[in-house]
């Protein structure tokens, strides 16, 4: 049996006014993480396809380009679903901000 005991009291986590420390996300749970993840995979696949093209690997290039196109399409579908109406997505494409 150990004679050691903690010298520091156990921490007590609380926030002001009993509110949670982090706010709940306002976006739909499956849509936003899906299009961010799939969009990242699509971007990585596009870079991989360019690397395969530069090093002369046509099989890998074709697979990576198909994966990039499929990921971009799936991410677009998830984004449109999250926005609620396709007009909002089209408005996003129309607006260009230099900042």
C-alpha atoms as a PDB file:
ATOM      1  CA  UNK A   1       0.000   0.000   0.000  1.00  0.00           C
ATOM      2  CA  UNK A   2       1.346   3.403  -1.025  1.00  0.00           C
ATOM      3  CA  UNK A   3       1.565   6.233   1.483  1.00  0.00           C
ATOM      4  CA  UNK A   4       1.579   8.885  -1.249  1.00  0.00           C
ATOM      5  CA  UNK A   5      -1.306  11.268  -1.575  1.00  0.00           C
ATOM      6  CA  UNK A   6      -1.973  14.256  -3.761  1.00  0.00           C
ATOM      7  CA  UNK A   7      -0.888  17.606  -2.342  1.00  0.00           C
ATOM      8  CA  UNK A   8      -3.053  19.502  -4.824  1.00  0.00           C
ATOM      9  CA  UNK A   9      -6.852  19.353  -4.625  1.00  0.00           C
ATOM     10  CA  UNK A  10      -8.748  17.868  -7.565  1.00  0.00           C
ATOM     11  CA  UNK A  11      -9.531  20.537 -10.185  1.00  0.00           C
ATOM     12  CA  UNK A  12     -13.074  21.799 -10.496  1.00  0.00           C
ATOM     13  CA  UNK A  13     -14.058  22.880 -14.005  1.00  0.00           C
ATOM     14  CA  UNK A  14     -16.690  25.570 -14.198  1.00  0.00           C
ATOM     15  CA  UNK A  15     -17.433  28.675 -16.191  1.00  0.00           C
ATOM     16  CA  UNK A  16     -19.137  31.964 -15.571  1.00  0.00           C
ATOM     17  CA  UNK A  17     -22.886  31.850 -14.976  1.00  0.00           C
ATOM     18  CA  UNK A  18     -22.996  28.057 -15.386  1.00  0.00           C
ATOM     19  CA  UNK A  19     -22.681  28.297 -19.176  1.00  0.00           C
ATOM     20  CA  UNK A  20     -20.603  25.821 -21.194  1.00  0.00           C
ATOM     21  CA  UNK A  21     -17.044  26.921 -21.928  1.00  0.00           C
ATOM     22  CA  UNK A  22     -17.388  26.220 -25.667  1.00  0.00           C
ATOM     23  CA  UNK A  23     -20.460  27.160 -27.660  1.00  0.00           C
ATOM     24  CA  UNK A  24     -22.297  24.474 -29.575  1.00  0.00           C
ATOM     25  CA  UNK A  25     -21.622  24.690 -33.324  1.00  0.00           C
ATOM     26  CA  UNK A  26     -24.425  26.239 -35.361  1.00  0.00           C
ATOM     27  CA  UNK A  27     -23.703  24.194 -38.475  1.00  0.00           C
ATOM     28  CA  UNK A  28     -25.175  20.834 -39.237  1.00  0.00           C
ATOM     29  CA  UNK A  29     -22.998  18.150 -37.701  1.00  0.00           C
ATOM     30  CA  UNK A  30     -22.400  15.717 -40.555  1.00  0.00           C
ATOM     31  CA  UNK A  31     -22.241  18.212 -43.439  1.00  0.00           C
ATOM     32  CA  UNK A  32     -19.461  20.616 -42.510  1.00  0.00           C
ATOM     33  CA  UNK A  33     -16.949  18.032 -41.260  1.00  0.00           C
ATOM     34  CA  UNK A  34     -17.692  15.881 -44.320  1.00  0.00           C
ATOM     35  CA  UNK A  35     -17.060  18.610 -46.883  1.00  0.00           C
ATOM     36  CA  UNK A  36     -13.954  19.843 -45.088  1.00  0.00           C
ATOM     37  CA  UNK A  37     -12.510  16.326 -44.857  1.00  0.00           C
ATOM     38  CA  UNK A  38     -13.482  15.308 -48.395  1.00  0.00           C
ATOM     39  CA  UNK A  39     -12.250  18.639 -49.760  1.00  0.00           C
ATOM     40  CA  UNK A  40      -8.892  18.088 -48.070  1.00  0.00           C
ATOM     41  CA  UNK A  41      -8.655  14.609 -49.523  1.00  0.00           C
ATOM     42  CA  UNK A  42      -9.533  15.966 -52.952  1.00  0.00           C
ATOM     43  CA  UNK A  43      -6.814  18.600 -52.697  1.00  0.00           C
ATOM     44  CA  UNK A  44      -4.239  16.052 -51.556  1.00  0.00           C
ATOM     45  CA  UNK A  45      -5.262  13.730 -54.396  1.00  0.00           C
ATOM     46  CA  UNK A  46      -4.828  16.554 -56.907  1.00  0.00           C
ATOM     47  CA  UNK A  47      -1.298  17.228 -55.626  1.00  0.00           C
ATOM     48  CA  UNK A  48      -0.560  13.503 -55.736  1.00  0.00           C
ATOM     49  CA  UNK A  49      -1.832  13.355 -59.321  1.00  0.00           C
ATOM     50  CA  UNK A  50       0.482  16.182 -60.346  1.00  0.00           C
ATOM     51  CA  UNK A  51       3.405  14.451 -58.679  1.00  0.00           C
ATOM     52  CA  UNK A  52       2.539  11.234 -60.483  1.00  0.00           C
ATOM     53  CA  UNK A  53       2.326  13.093 -63.795  1.00  0.00           C
ATOM     54  CA  UNK A  54       5.711  14.722 -63.198  1.00  0.00           C
ATOM     55  CA  UNK A  55       7.377  11.388 -62.406  1.00  0.00           C
ATOM     56  CA  UNK A  56       5.742   9.419 -65.226  1.00  0.00           C
ATOM     57  CA  UNK A  57       3.292   7.191 -63.334  1.00  0.00           C
ATOM     58  CA  UNK A  58       0.142   7.198 -65.483  1.00  0.00           C
ATOM     59  CA  UNK A  59      -1.755   4.596 -63.419  1.00  0.00           C
ATOM     60  CA  UNK A  60      -1.378   6.542 -60.179  1.00  0.00           C
ATOM     61  CA  UNK A  61      -2.107   9.789 -61.978  1.00  0.00           C
ATOM     62  CA  UNK A  62      -5.435   8.510 -63.318  1.00  0.00           C
ATOM     63  CA  UNK A  63      -6.571   7.110 -59.962  1.00  0.00           C
ATOM     64  CA  UNK A  64      -5.570  10.275 -58.104  1.00  0.00           C
ATOM     65  CA  UNK A  65      -7.343  12.537 -60.621  1.00  0.00           C
ATOM     66  CA  UNK A  66     -10.545  10.468 -60.354  1.00  0.00           C
ATOM     67  CA  UNK A  67     -10.313  10.609 -56.550  1.00  0.00           C
ATOM     68  CA  UNK A  68      -9.783  14.377 -56.668  1.00  0.00           C
ATOM     69  CA  UNK A  69     -12.767  14.897 -58.966  1.00  0.00           C
ATOM     70  CA  UNK A  70     -14.973  12.604 -56.880  1.00  0.00           C
ATOM     71  CA  UNK A  71     -13.933  14.318 -53.658  1.00  0.00           C
ATOM     72  CA  UNK A  72     -14.612  17.752 -55.107  1.00  0.00           C
ATOM     73  CA  UNK A  73     -18.053  16.626 -56.257  1.00  0.00           C
ATOM     74  CA  UNK A  74     -18.913  15.005 -52.908  1.00  0.00           C
ATOM     75  CA  UNK A  75     -17.689  18.074 -51.014  1.00  0.00           C
ATOM     76  CA  UNK A  76     -19.802  20.327 -53.218  1.00  0.00           C
ATOM     77  CA  UNK A  77     -22.897  18.222 -52.565  1.00  0.00           C
ATOM     78  CA  UNK A  78     -22.289  18.346 -48.789  1.00  0.00           C
ATOM     79  CA  UNK A  79     -21.742  22.122 -48.940  1.00  0.00           C
ATOM     80  CA  UNK A  80     -24.959  22.718 -50.897  1.00  0.00           C
ATOM     81  CA  UNK A  81     -26.840  20.506 -48.431  1.00  0.00           C
ATOM     82  CA  UNK A  82     -25.408  22.477 -45.507  1.00  0.00           C
ATOM     83  CA  UNK A  83     -26.344  25.811 -47.082  1.00  0.00           C
ATOM     84  CA  UNK A  84     -29.908  24.624 -47.550  1.00  0.00           C
ATOM     85  CA  UNK A  85     -30.584  26.032 -51.024  1.00  0.00           C
ATOM     86  CA  UNK A  86     -28.513  25.774 -54.220  1.00  0.00           C
ATOM     87  CA  UNK A  87     -28.951  29.522 -54.791  1.00  0.00           C
ATOM     88  CA  UNK A  88     -26.748  30.208 -51.777  1.00  0.00           C
ATOM     89  CA  UNK A  89     -23.955  28.102 -53.256  1.00  0.00           C
ATOM     90  CA  UNK A  90     -24.257  29.900 -56.596  1.00  0.00           C
ATOM     91  CA  UNK A  91     -24.120  33.226 -54.757  1.00  0.00           C
ATOM     92  CA  UNK A  92     -20.892  32.092 -53.089  1.00  0.00           C
ATOM     93  CA  UNK A  93     -19.372  31.487 -56.522  1.00  0.00           C
ATOM     94  CA  UNK A  94     -20.500  34.917 -57.733  1.00  0.00           C
ATOM     95  CA  UNK A  95     -18.966  36.924 -54.863  1.00  0.00           C
ATOM     96  CA  UNK A  96     -15.236  37.690 -54.988  1.00  0.00           C
ATOM     97  CA  UNK A  97     -13.543  39.479 -52.095  1.00  0.00           C
ATOM     98  CA  UNK A  98      -9.974  40.683 -52.376  1.00  0.00           C
ATOM     99  CA  UNK A  99      -9.452  40.583 -48.621  1.00  0.00           C
END
